[in-house]
Structure formats: C-alpha cells, structure tokens
mmCIF file of all heavy atoms, coordinates in Angstrom:
data_MODEL
# 
_entry.id   MODEL 
# 
loop_
_atom_site.group_PDB 
_atom_site.id 
_atom_site.type_symbol 
_atom_site.label_atom_id 
_atom_site.label_alt_id 
_atom_site.label_comp_id 
_atom_site.label_asym_id 
_atom_site.label_entity_id 
_atom_site.label_seq_id 
_atom_site.pdbx_PDB_ins_code 
_atom_site.Cartn_x 
_atom_site.Cartn_y 
_atom_site.Cartn_z 
_atom_site.occupancy 
_atom_site.B_iso_or_equiv 
_atom_site.pdbx_formal_charge 
_atom_site.auth_seq_id 
_atom_site.auth_comp_id 
_atom_site.auth_asym_id 
_atom_site.auth_atom_id 
_atom_site.pdbx_PDB_model_num 
ATOM 1   N N   . ASN A 1 1  ? -54.976 4.209  73.091 1.00 0.00 ? 1  ASN A N   1 
ATOM 2   C CA  . ASN A 1 1  ? -53.783 4.084  72.283 1.00 0.00 ? 1  ASN A CA  1 
ATOM 3   C C   . ASN A 1 1  ? -52.677 4.821  72.981 1.00 0.00 ? 1  ASN A C   1 
ATOM 4   O O   . ASN A 1 1  ? -52.885 5.914  73.483 1.00 0.00 ? 1  ASN A O   1 
ATOM 5   C CB  . ASN A 1 1  ? -54.010 4.651  70.870 1.00 0.00 ? 1  ASN A CB  1 
ATOM 6   C CG  . ASN A 1 1  ? -52.775 4.566  70.030 1.00 0.00 ? 1  ASN A CG  1 
ATOM 7   O OD1 . ASN A 1 1  ? -52.283 3.475  69.775 1.00 0.00 ? 1  ASN A OD1 1 
ATOM 8   N ND2 . ASN A 1 1  ? -52.256 5.688  69.617 1.00 0.00 ? 1  ASN A ND2 1 
ATOM 9   N N   . VAL A 1 2  ? -51.512 4.218  73.072 1.00 0.00 ? 2  VAL A N   1 
ATOM 10  C CA  . VAL A 1 2  ? -50.363 4.925  73.616 1.00 0.00 ? 2  VAL A CA  1 
ATOM 11  C C   . VAL A 1 2  ? -49.209 4.751  72.609 1.00 0.00 ? 2  VAL A C   1 
ATOM 12  O O   . VAL A 1 2  ? -48.963 3.646  72.106 1.00 0.00 ? 2  VAL A O   1 
ATOM 13  C CB  . VAL A 1 2  ? -49.983 4.403  74.990 1.00 0.00 ? 2  VAL A CB  1 
ATOM 14  C CG1 . VAL A 1 2  ? -49.677 2.921  75.038 1.00 0.00 ? 2  VAL A CG1 1 
ATOM 15  C CG2 . VAL A 1 2  ? -48.850 5.210  75.625 1.00 0.00 ? 2  VAL A CG2 1 
ATOM 16  N N   . PHE A 1 3  ? -48.531 5.855  72.305 1.00 0.00 ? 3  PHE A N   1 
ATOM 17  C CA  . PHE A 1 3  ? -47.421 5.779  71.365 1.00 0.00 ? 3  PHE A CA  1 
ATOM 18  C C   . PHE A 1 3  ? -46.261 5.079  71.996 1.00 0.00 ? 3  PHE A C   1 
ATOM 19  O O   . PHE A 1 3  ? -45.986 5.219  73.211 1.00 0.00 ? 3  PHE A O   1 
ATOM 20  C CB  . PHE A 1 3  ? -47.045 7.207  70.891 1.00 0.00 ? 3  PHE A CB  1 
ATOM 21  C CG  . PHE A 1 3  ? -48.073 7.806  69.984 1.00 0.00 ? 3  PHE A CG  1 
ATOM 22  C CD1 . PHE A 1 3  ? -49.024 8.691  70.438 1.00 0.00 ? 3  PHE A CD1 1 
ATOM 23  C CD2 . PHE A 1 3  ? -48.111 7.440  68.622 1.00 0.00 ? 3  PHE A CD2 1 
ATOM 24  C CE1 . PHE A 1 3  ? -49.979 9.207  69.623 1.00 0.00 ? 3  PHE A CE1 1 
ATOM 25  C CE2 . PHE A 1 3  ? -49.092 7.955  67.776 1.00 0.00 ? 3  PHE A CE2 1 
ATOM 26  C CZ  . PHE A 1 3  ? -50.006 8.865  68.283 1.00 0.00 ? 3  PHE A CZ  1 
ATOM 27  N N   . GLY A 1 4  ? -45.547 4.276  71.214 1.00 0.00 ? 4  GLY A N   1 
ATOM 28  C CA  . GLY A 1 4  ? -44.470 3.410  71.701 1.00 0.00 ? 4  GLY A CA  1 
ATOM 29  C C   . GLY A 1 4  ? -43.371 4.164  72.423 1.00 0.00 ? 4  GLY A C   1 
ATOM 30  O O   . GLY A 1 4  ? -42.755 3.577  73.306 1.00 0.00 ? 4  GLY A O   1 
ATOM 31  N N   . GLY A 1 5  ? -43.130 5.413  72.118 1.00 0.00 ? 5  GLY A N   1 
ATOM 32  C CA  . GLY A 1 5  ? -42.075 6.172  72.752 1.00 0.00 ? 5  GLY A CA  1 
ATOM 33  C C   . GLY A 1 5  ? -42.467 6.761  74.094 1.00 0.00 ? 5  GLY A C   1 
ATOM 34  O O   . GLY A 1 5  ? -41.615 7.361  74.785 1.00 0.00 ? 5  GLY A O   1 
ATOM 35  N N   . ASN A 1 6  ? -43.718 6.585  74.542 1.00 0.00 ? 6  ASN A N   1 
ATOM 36  C CA  . ASN A 1 6  ? -44.163 7.159  75.796 1.00 0.00 ? 6  ASN A CA  1 
ATOM 37  C C   . ASN A 1 6  ? -44.058 6.119  76.912 1.00 0.00 ? 6  ASN A C   1 
ATOM 38  O O   . ASN A 1 6  ? -45.035 5.561  77.385 1.00 0.00 ? 6  ASN A O   1 
ATOM 39  C CB  . ASN A 1 6  ? -45.617 7.650  75.618 1.00 0.00 ? 6  ASN A CB  1 
ATOM 40  C CG  . ASN A 1 6  ? -46.043 8.533  76.742 1.00 0.00 ? 6  ASN A CG  1 
ATOM 41  O OD1 . ASN A 1 6  ? -45.436 8.553  77.816 1.00 0.00 ? 6  ASN A OD1 1 
ATOM 42  N ND2 . ASN A 1 6  ? -47.138 9.266  76.526 1.00 0.00 ? 6  ASN A ND2 1 
ATOM 43  N N   . ALA A 1 7  ? -42.806 5.875  77.329 1.00 0.00 ? 7  ALA A N   1 
ATOM 44  C CA  . ALA A 1 7  ? -42.515 4.787  78.281 1.00 0.00 ? 7  ALA A CA  1 
ATOM 45  C C   . ALA A 1 7  ? -43.218 5.024  79.645 1.00 0.00 ? 7  ALA A C   1 
ATOM 46  O O   . ALA A 1 7  ? -43.705 4.063  80.232 1.00 0.00 ? 7  ALA A O   1 
ATOM 47  C CB  . ALA A 1 7  ? -41.015 4.688  78.498 1.00 0.00 ? 7  ALA A CB  1 
ATOM 48  N N   . ALA A 1 8  ? -43.269 6.280  80.063 1.00 0.00 ? 8  ALA A N   1 
ATOM 49  C CA  . ALA A 1 8  ? -43.909 6.542  81.371 1.00 0.00 ? 8  ALA A CA  1 
ATOM 50  C C   . ALA A 1 8  ? -45.409 6.175  81.310 1.00 0.00 ? 8  ALA A C   1 
ATOM 51  O O   . ALA A 1 8  ? -45.940 5.559  82.239 1.00 0.00 ? 8  ALA A O   1 
ATOM 52  C CB  . ALA A 1 8  ? -43.745 8.015  81.769 1.00 0.00 ? 8  ALA A CB  1 
ATOM 53  N N   . ALA A 1 9  ? -46.086 6.538  80.233 1.00 0.00 ? 9  ALA A N   1 
ATOM 54  C CA  . ALA A 1 9  ? -47.514 6.198  80.111 1.00 0.00 ? 9  ALA A CA  1 
ATOM 55  C C   . ALA A 1 9  ? -47.705 4.692  80.018 1.00 0.00 ? 9  ALA A C   1 
ATOM 56  O O   . ALA A 1 9  ? -48.606 4.134  80.622 1.00 0.00 ? 9  ALA A O   1 
ATOM 57  C CB  . ALA A 1 9  ? -48.121 6.897  78.906 1.00 0.00 ? 9  ALA A CB  1 
ATOM 58  N N   . ILE A 1 10 ? -46.829 4.036  79.250 1.00 0.00 ? 10 ILE A N   1 
ATOM 59  C CA  . ILE A 1 10 ? -46.932 2.580  79.120 1.00 0.00 ? 10 ILE A CA  1 
ATOM 60  C C   . ILE A 1 10 ? -46.816 1.894  80.479 1.00 0.00 ? 10 ILE A C   1 
ATOM 61  O O   . ILE A 1 10 ? -47.588 1.009  80.822 1.00 0.00 ? 10 ILE A O   1 
ATOM 62  C CB  . ILE A 1 10 ? -45.899 2.047  78.093 1.00 0.00 ? 10 ILE A CB  1 
ATOM 63  C CG1 . ILE A 1 10 ? -46.249 2.532  76.692 1.00 0.00 ? 10 ILE A CG1 1 
ATOM 64  C CG2 . ILE A 1 10 ? -45.813 0.512  78.175 1.00 0.00 ? 10 ILE A CG2 1 
ATOM 65  C CD1 . ILE A 1 10 ? -45.175 2.314  75.674 1.00 0.00 ? 10 ILE A CD1 1 
ATOM 66  N N   . ARG A 1 11 ? -45.876 2.344  81.294 1.00 0.00 ? 11 ARG A N   1 
ATOM 67  C CA  . ARG A 1 11 ? -45.716 1.760  82.643 1.00 0.00 ? 11 ARG A CA  1 
ATOM 68  C C   . ARG A 1 11 ? -46.939 2.039  83.494 1.00 0.00 ? 11 ARG A C   1 
ATOM 69  O O   . ARG A 1 11 ? -47.400 1.154  84.196 1.00 0.00 ? 11 ARG A O   1 
ATOM 70  C CB  . ARG A 1 11 ? -44.475 2.404  83.314 1.00 0.00 ? 11 ARG A CB  1 
ATOM 71  C CG  . ARG A 1 11 ? -43.156 1.862  82.846 1.00 0.00 ? 11 ARG A CG  1 
ATOM 72  C CD  . ARG A 1 11 ? -41.985 2.260  83.728 1.00 0.00 ? 11 ARG A CD  1 
ATOM 73  N NE  . ARG A 1 11 ? -41.847 3.691  83.872 1.00 0.00 ? 11 ARG A NE  1 
ATOM 74  C CZ  . ARG A 1 11 ? -41.190 4.497  83.032 1.00 0.00 ? 11 ARG A CZ  1 
ATOM 75  N NH1 . ARG A 1 11 ? -40.603 3.963  81.939 1.00 0.00 ? 11 ARG A NH1 1 
ATOM 76  N NH2 . ARG A 1 11 ? -41.111 5.805  83.233 1.00 0.00 ? 11 ARG A NH2 1 
ATOM 77  N N   . MET A 1 12 ? -47.502 3.261  83.393 1.00 0.00 ? 12 MET A N   1 
ATOM 78  C CA  . MET A 1 12 ? -48.685 3.557  84.188 1.00 0.00 ? 12 MET A CA  1 
ATOM 79  C C   . MET A 1 12 ? -49.836 2.676  83.763 1.00 0.00 ? 12 MET A C   1 
ATOM 80  O O   . MET A 1 12 ? -50.552 2.120  84.635 1.00 0.00 ? 12 MET A O   1 
ATOM 81  C CB  . MET A 1 12 ? -49.083 5.054  84.010 1.00 0.00 ? 12 MET A CB  1 
ATOM 82  C CG  . MET A 1 12 ? -50.305 5.422  84.831 1.00 0.00 ? 12 MET A CG  1 
ATOM 83  S SD  . MET A 1 12 ? -50.860 7.130  84.670 1.00 0.00 ? 12 MET A SD  1 
ATOM 84  C CE  . MET A 1 12 ? -51.630 7.079  83.054 1.00 0.00 ? 12 MET A CE  1 
ATOM 85  N N   . TYR A 1 13 ? -50.087 2.551  82.470 1.00 0.00 ? 13 TYR A N   1 
ATOM 86  C CA  . TYR A 1 13 ? -51.218 1.729  82.033 1.00 0.00 ? 13 TYR A CA  1 
ATOM 87  C C   . TYR A 1 13 ? -51.002 0.265  82.376 1.00 0.00 ? 13 TYR A C   1 
ATOM 88  O O   . TYR A 1 13 ? -51.921 -0.443 82.793 1.00 0.00 ? 13 TYR A O   1 
ATOM 89  C CB  . TYR A 1 13 ? -51.430 1.867  80.492 1.00 0.00 ? 13 TYR A CB  1 
ATOM 90  C CG  . TYR A 1 13 ? -51.816 3.262  80.097 1.00 0.00 ? 13 TYR A CG  1 
ATOM 91  C CD1 . TYR A 1 13 ? -51.158 3.918  79.052 1.00 0.00 ? 13 TYR A CD1 1 
ATOM 92  C CD2 . TYR A 1 13 ? -52.820 3.968  80.759 1.00 0.00 ? 13 TYR A CD2 1 
ATOM 93  C CE1 . TYR A 1 13 ? -51.498 5.202  78.680 1.00 0.00 ? 13 TYR A CE1 1 
ATOM 94  C CE2 . TYR A 1 13 ? -53.148 5.272  80.380 1.00 0.00 ? 13 TYR A CE2 1 
ATOM 95  C CZ  . TYR A 1 13 ? -52.506 5.875  79.358 1.00 0.00 ? 13 TYR A CZ  1 
ATOM 96  O OH  . TYR A 1 13 ? -52.824 7.171  78.980 1.00 0.00 ? 13 TYR A OH  1 
ATOM 97  N N   . ASP A 1 14 ? -49.783 -0.211 82.268 1.00 0.00 ? 14 ASP A N   1 
ATOM 98  C CA  . ASP A 1 14 ? -49.500 -1.587 82.642 1.00 0.00 ? 14 ASP A CA  1 
ATOM 99  C C   . ASP A 1 14 ? -49.766 -1.805 84.136 1.00 0.00 ? 14 ASP A C   1 
ATOM 100 O O   . ASP A 1 14 ? -50.434 -2.765 84.540 1.00 0.00 ? 14 ASP A O   1 
ATOM 101 C CB  . ASP A 1 14 ? -48.016 -1.916 82.341 1.00 0.00 ? 14 ASP A CB  1 
ATOM 102 C CG  . ASP A 1 14 ? -47.699 -3.367 82.598 1.00 0.00 ? 14 ASP A CG  1 
ATOM 103 O OD1 . ASP A 1 14 ? -48.369 -4.264 82.073 1.00 0.00 ? 14 ASP A OD1 1 
ATOM 104 O OD2 . ASP A 1 14 ? -46.725 -3.613 83.362 1.00 0.00 ? 14 ASP A OD2 1 
ATOM 105 N N   . ALA A 1 15 ? -49.332 -0.865 84.971 1.00 0.00 ? 15 ALA A N   1 
ATOM 106 C CA  . ALA A 1 15 ? -49.562 -0.966 86.420 1.00 0.00 ? 15 ALA A CA  1 
ATOM 107 C C   . ALA A 1 15 ? -51.057 -0.889 86.745 1.00 0.00 ? 15 ALA A C   1 
ATOM 108 O O   . ALA A 1 15 ? -51.467 -1.433 87.740 1.00 0.00 ? 15 ALA A O   1 
ATOM 109 C CB  . ALA A 1 15 ? -48.808 0.137  87.178 1.00 0.00 ? 15 ALA A CB  1 
ATOM 110 N N   . ALA A 1 16 ? -51.825 -0.194 85.931 1.00 0.00 ? 16 ALA A N   1 
ATOM 111 C CA  . ALA A 1 16 ? -53.247 -0.067 86.149 1.00 0.00 ? 16 ALA A CA  1 
ATOM 112 C C   . ALA A 1 16 ? -54.064 -1.268 85.619 1.00 0.00 ? 16 ALA A C   1 
ATOM 113 O O   . ALA A 1 16 ? -55.295 -1.281 85.736 1.00 0.00 ? 16 ALA A O   1 
ATOM 114 C CB  . ALA A 1 16 ? -53.768 1.206  85.516 1.00 0.00 ? 16 ALA A CB  1 
ATOM 115 N N   . GLY A 1 17 ? -53.366 -2.236 85.014 1.00 0.00 ? 17 GLY A N   1 
ATOM 116 C CA  . GLY A 1 17 ? -54.039 -3.453 84.558 1.00 0.00 ? 17 GLY A CA  1 
ATOM 117 C C   . GLY A 1 17 ? -54.427 -3.488 83.080 1.00 0.00 ? 17 GLY A C   1 
ATOM 118 O O   . GLY A 1 17 ? -55.115 -4.396 82.678 1.00 0.00 ? 17 GLY A O   1 
ATOM 119 N N   . TYR A 1 18 ? -53.972 -2.544 82.301 1.00 0.00 ? 18 TYR A N   1 
ATOM 120 C CA  . TYR A 1 18 ? -54.241 -2.586 80.870 1.00 0.00 ? 18 TYR A CA  1 
ATOM 121 C C   . TYR A 1 18 ? -53.373 -3.612 80.188 1.00 0.00 ? 18 TYR A C   1 
ATOM 122 O O   . TYR A 1 18 ? -52.237 -3.803 80.585 1.00 0.00 ? 18 TYR A O   1 
ATOM 123 C CB  . TYR A 1 18 ? -54.008 -1.175 80.247 1.00 0.00 ? 18 TYR A CB  1 
ATOM 124 C CG  . TYR A 1 18 ? -55.105 -0.204 80.595 1.00 0.00 ? 18 TYR A CG  1 
ATOM 125 C CD1 . TYR A 1 18 ? -55.127 0.385  81.871 1.00 0.00 ? 18 TYR A CD1 1 
ATOM 126 C CD2 . TYR A 1 18 ? -56.117 0.100  79.717 1.00 0.00 ? 18 TYR A CD2 1 
ATOM 127 C CE1 . TYR A 1 18 ? -56.154 1.255  82.212 1.00 0.00 ? 18 TYR A CE1 1 
ATOM 128 C CE2 . TYR A 1 18 ? -57.120 0.974  80.063 1.00 0.00 ? 18 TYR A CE2 1 
ATOM 129 C CZ  . TYR A 1 18 ? -57.118 1.540  81.313 1.00 0.00 ? 18 TYR A CZ  1 
ATOM 130 O OH  . TYR A 1 18 ? -58.111 2.431  81.676 1.00 0.00 ? 18 TYR A OH  1 
ATOM 131 N N   . ALA A 1 19 ? -53.929 -4.253 79.195 1.00 0.00 ? 19 ALA A N   1 
ATOM 132 C CA  . ALA A 1 19 ? -53.177 -5.300 78.458 1.00 0.00 ? 19 ALA A CA  1 
ATOM 133 C C   . ALA A 1 19 ? -53.155 -4.924 76.957 1.00 0.00 ? 19 ALA A C   1 
ATOM 134 O O   . ALA A 1 19 ? -54.149 -4.304 76.449 1.00 0.00 ? 19 ALA A O   1 
ATOM 135 C CB  . ALA A 1 19 ? -53.843 -6.662 78.595 1.00 0.00 ? 19 ALA A CB  1 
ATOM 136 N N   . VAL A 1 20 ? -52.119 -5.263 76.273 1.00 0.00 ? 20 VAL A N   1 
ATOM 137 C CA  . VAL A 1 20 ? -52.020 -5.022 74.806 1.00 0.00 ? 20 VAL A CA  1 
ATOM 138 C C   . VAL A 1 20 ? -53.038 -5.896 74.121 1.00 0.00 ? 20 VAL A C   1 
ATOM 139 O O   . VAL A 1 20 ? -53.028 -7.110 74.314 1.00 0.00 ? 20 VAL A O   1 
ATOM 140 C CB  . VAL A 1 20 ? -50.587 -5.279 74.322 1.00 0.00 ? 20 VAL A CB  1 
ATOM 141 C CG1 . VAL A 1 20 ? -50.551 -5.139 72.782 1.00 0.00 ? 20 VAL A CG1 1 
ATOM 142 C CG2 . VAL A 1 20 ? -49.624 -4.332 74.993 1.00 0.00 ? 20 VAL A CG2 1 
ATOM 143 N N   . VAL A 1 21 ? -53.917 -5.287 73.307 1.00 0.00 ? 21 VAL A N   1 
ATOM 144 C CA  . VAL A 1 21 ? -54.858 -6.058 72.528 1.00 0.00 ? 21 VAL A CA  1 
ATOM 145 C C   . VAL A 1 21 ? -54.554 -6.029 71.034 1.00 0.00 ? 21 VAL A C   1 
ATOM 146 O O   . VAL A 1 21 ? -54.918 -6.929 70.312 1.00 0.00 ? 21 VAL A O   1 
ATOM 147 C CB  . VAL A 1 21 ? -56.322 -5.593 72.777 1.00 0.00 ? 21 VAL A CB  1 
ATOM 148 C CG1 . VAL A 1 21 ? -56.765 -5.915 74.208 1.00 0.00 ? 21 VAL A CG1 1 
ATOM 149 C CG2 . VAL A 1 21 ? -56.504 -4.124 72.511 1.00 0.00 ? 21 VAL A CG2 1 
ATOM 150 N N   . THR A 1 22 ? -53.881 -4.988 70.592 1.00 0.00 ? 22 THR A N   1 
ATOM 151 C CA  . THR A 1 22 ? -53.344 -4.912 69.219 1.00 0.00 ? 22 THR A CA  1 
ATOM 152 C C   . THR A 1 22 ? -52.022 -4.178 69.313 1.00 0.00 ? 22 THR A C   1 
ATOM 153 O O   . THR A 1 22 ? -51.764 -3.437 70.288 1.00 0.00 ? 22 THR A O   1 
ATOM 154 C CB  . THR A 1 22 ? -54.263 -4.144 68.239 1.00 0.00 ? 22 THR A CB  1 
ATOM 155 O OG1 . THR A 1 22 ? -54.381 -2.817 68.673 1.00 0.00 ? 22 THR A OG1 1 
ATOM 156 C CG2 . THR A 1 22 ? -55.623 -4.817 68.131 1.00 0.00 ? 22 THR A CG2 1 
ATOM 157 N N   . GLN A 1 23 ? -51.190 -4.397 68.355 1.00 0.00 ? 23 GLN A N   1 
ATOM 158 C CA  . GLN A 1 23 ? -49.882 -3.712 68.379 1.00 0.00 ? 23 GLN A CA  1 
ATOM 159 C C   . GLN A 1 23 ? -49.449 -3.447 66.937 1.00 0.00 ? 23 GLN A C   1 
ATOM 160 O O   . GLN A 1 23 ? -49.473 -4.327 66.108 1.00 0.00 ? 23 GLN A O   1 
ATOM 161 C CB  . GLN A 1 23 ? -48.876 -4.588 69.081 1.00 0.00 ? 23 GLN A CB  1 
ATOM 162 C CG  . GLN A 1 23 ? -47.573 -3.872 69.366 1.00 0.00 ? 23 GLN A CG  1 
ATOM 163 C CD  . GLN A 1 23 ? -46.702 -4.661 70.340 1.00 0.00 ? 23 GLN A CD  1 
ATOM 164 O OE1 . GLN A 1 23 ? -47.144 -5.619 70.946 1.00 0.00 ? 23 GLN A OE1 1 
ATOM 165 N NE2 . GLN A 1 23 ? -45.502 -4.219 70.504 1.00 0.00 ? 23 GLN A NE2 1 
ATOM 166 N N   . GLN A 1 24 ? -49.075 -2.210 66.700 1.00 0.00 ? 24 GLN A N   1 
ATOM 167 C CA  . GLN A 1 24 ? -48.526 -1.850 65.398 1.00 0.00 ? 24 GLN A CA  1 
ATOM 168 C C   . GLN A 1 24 ? -47.012 -1.714 65.583 1.00 0.00 ? 24 GLN A C   1 
ATOM 169 O O   . GLN A 1 24 ? -46.546 -1.163 66.558 1.00 0.00 ? 24 GLN A O   1 
ATOM 170 C CB  . GLN A 1 24 ? -49.077 -0.507 64.907 1.00 0.00 ? 24 GLN A CB  1 
ATOM 171 C CG  . GLN A 1 24 ? -50.526 -0.594 64.515 1.00 0.00 ? 24 GLN A CG  1 
ATOM 172 C CD  . GLN A 1 24 ? -51.018 0.754  64.034 1.00 0.00 ? 24 GLN A CD  1 
ATOM 173 O OE1 . GLN A 1 24 ? -50.778 1.792  64.671 1.00 0.00 ? 24 GLN A OE1 1 
ATOM 174 N NE2 . GLN A 1 24 ? -51.678 0.770  62.889 1.00 0.00 ? 24 GLN A NE2 1 
ATOM 175 N N   . MET A 1 25 ? -46.284 -2.189 64.580 1.00 0.00 ? 25 MET A N   1 
ATOM 176 C CA  . MET A 1 25 ? -44.832 -2.086 64.647 1.00 0.00 ? 25 MET A CA  1 
ATOM 177 C C   . MET A 1 25 ? -44.338 -1.484 63.315 1.00 0.00 ? 25 MET A C   1 
ATOM 178 O O   . MET A 1 25 ? -44.976 -1.658 62.266 1.00 0.00 ? 25 MET A O   1 
ATOM 179 C CB  . MET A 1 25 ? -44.212 -3.435 64.909 1.00 0.00 ? 25 MET A CB  1 
ATOM 180 C CG  . MET A 1 25 ? -44.671 -4.033 66.258 1.00 0.00 ? 25 MET A CG  1 
ATOM 181 S SD  . MET A 1 25 ? -44.004 -5.676 66.556 1.00 0.00 ? 25 MET A SD  1 
ATOM 182 C CE  . MET A 1 25 ? -42.379 -5.224 67.090 1.00 0.00 ? 25 MET A CE  1 
ATOM 183 N N   . ARG A 1 26 ? -43.225 -0.823 63.367 1.00 0.00 ? 26 ARG A N   1 
ATOM 184 C CA  . ARG A 1 26 ? -42.681 -0.187 62.167 1.00 0.00 ? 26 ARG A CA  1 
ATOM 185 C C   . ARG A 1 26 ? -41.159 -0.222 62.237 1.00 0.00 ? 26 ARG A C   1 
ATOM 186 O O   . ARG A 1 26 ? -40.592 -0.110 63.305 1.00 0.00 ? 26 ARG A O   1 
ATOM 187 C CB  . ARG A 1 26 ? -43.114 1.234  62.066 1.00 0.00 ? 26 ARG A CB  1 
ATOM 188 C CG  . ARG A 1 26 ? -42.585 1.992  60.870 1.00 0.00 ? 26 ARG A CG  1 
ATOM 189 C CD  . ARG A 1 26 ? -43.032 3.429  60.852 1.00 0.00 ? 26 ARG A CD  1 
ATOM 190 N NE  . ARG A 1 26 ? -44.460 3.515  60.670 1.00 0.00 ? 26 ARG A NE  1 
ATOM 191 C CZ  . ARG A 1 26 ? -45.199 4.518  61.049 1.00 0.00 ? 26 ARG A CZ  1 
ATOM 192 N NH1 . ARG A 1 26 ? -44.663 5.571  61.596 1.00 0.00 ? 26 ARG A NH1 1 
ATOM 193 N NH2 . ARG A 1 26 ? -46.510 4.502  60.878 1.00 0.00 ? 26 ARG A NH2 1 
# 
C-alpha cells in the first residue's frame, strides 16, 4: 500500500513494475 501523497514512492514502485490492483479515493 502506498499513500496517494507519496509521489516519490509511487514513481519508484511504478518503475519497478508494480501495478494498481485496487484504489481508494476520497
């Protein structure tokens, strides 16, 4: 799980091949 405000982590996981499987929005 990565919090939506953690843009650096999201970029890292995306570059490492992780894909969104669920998404919560608020």
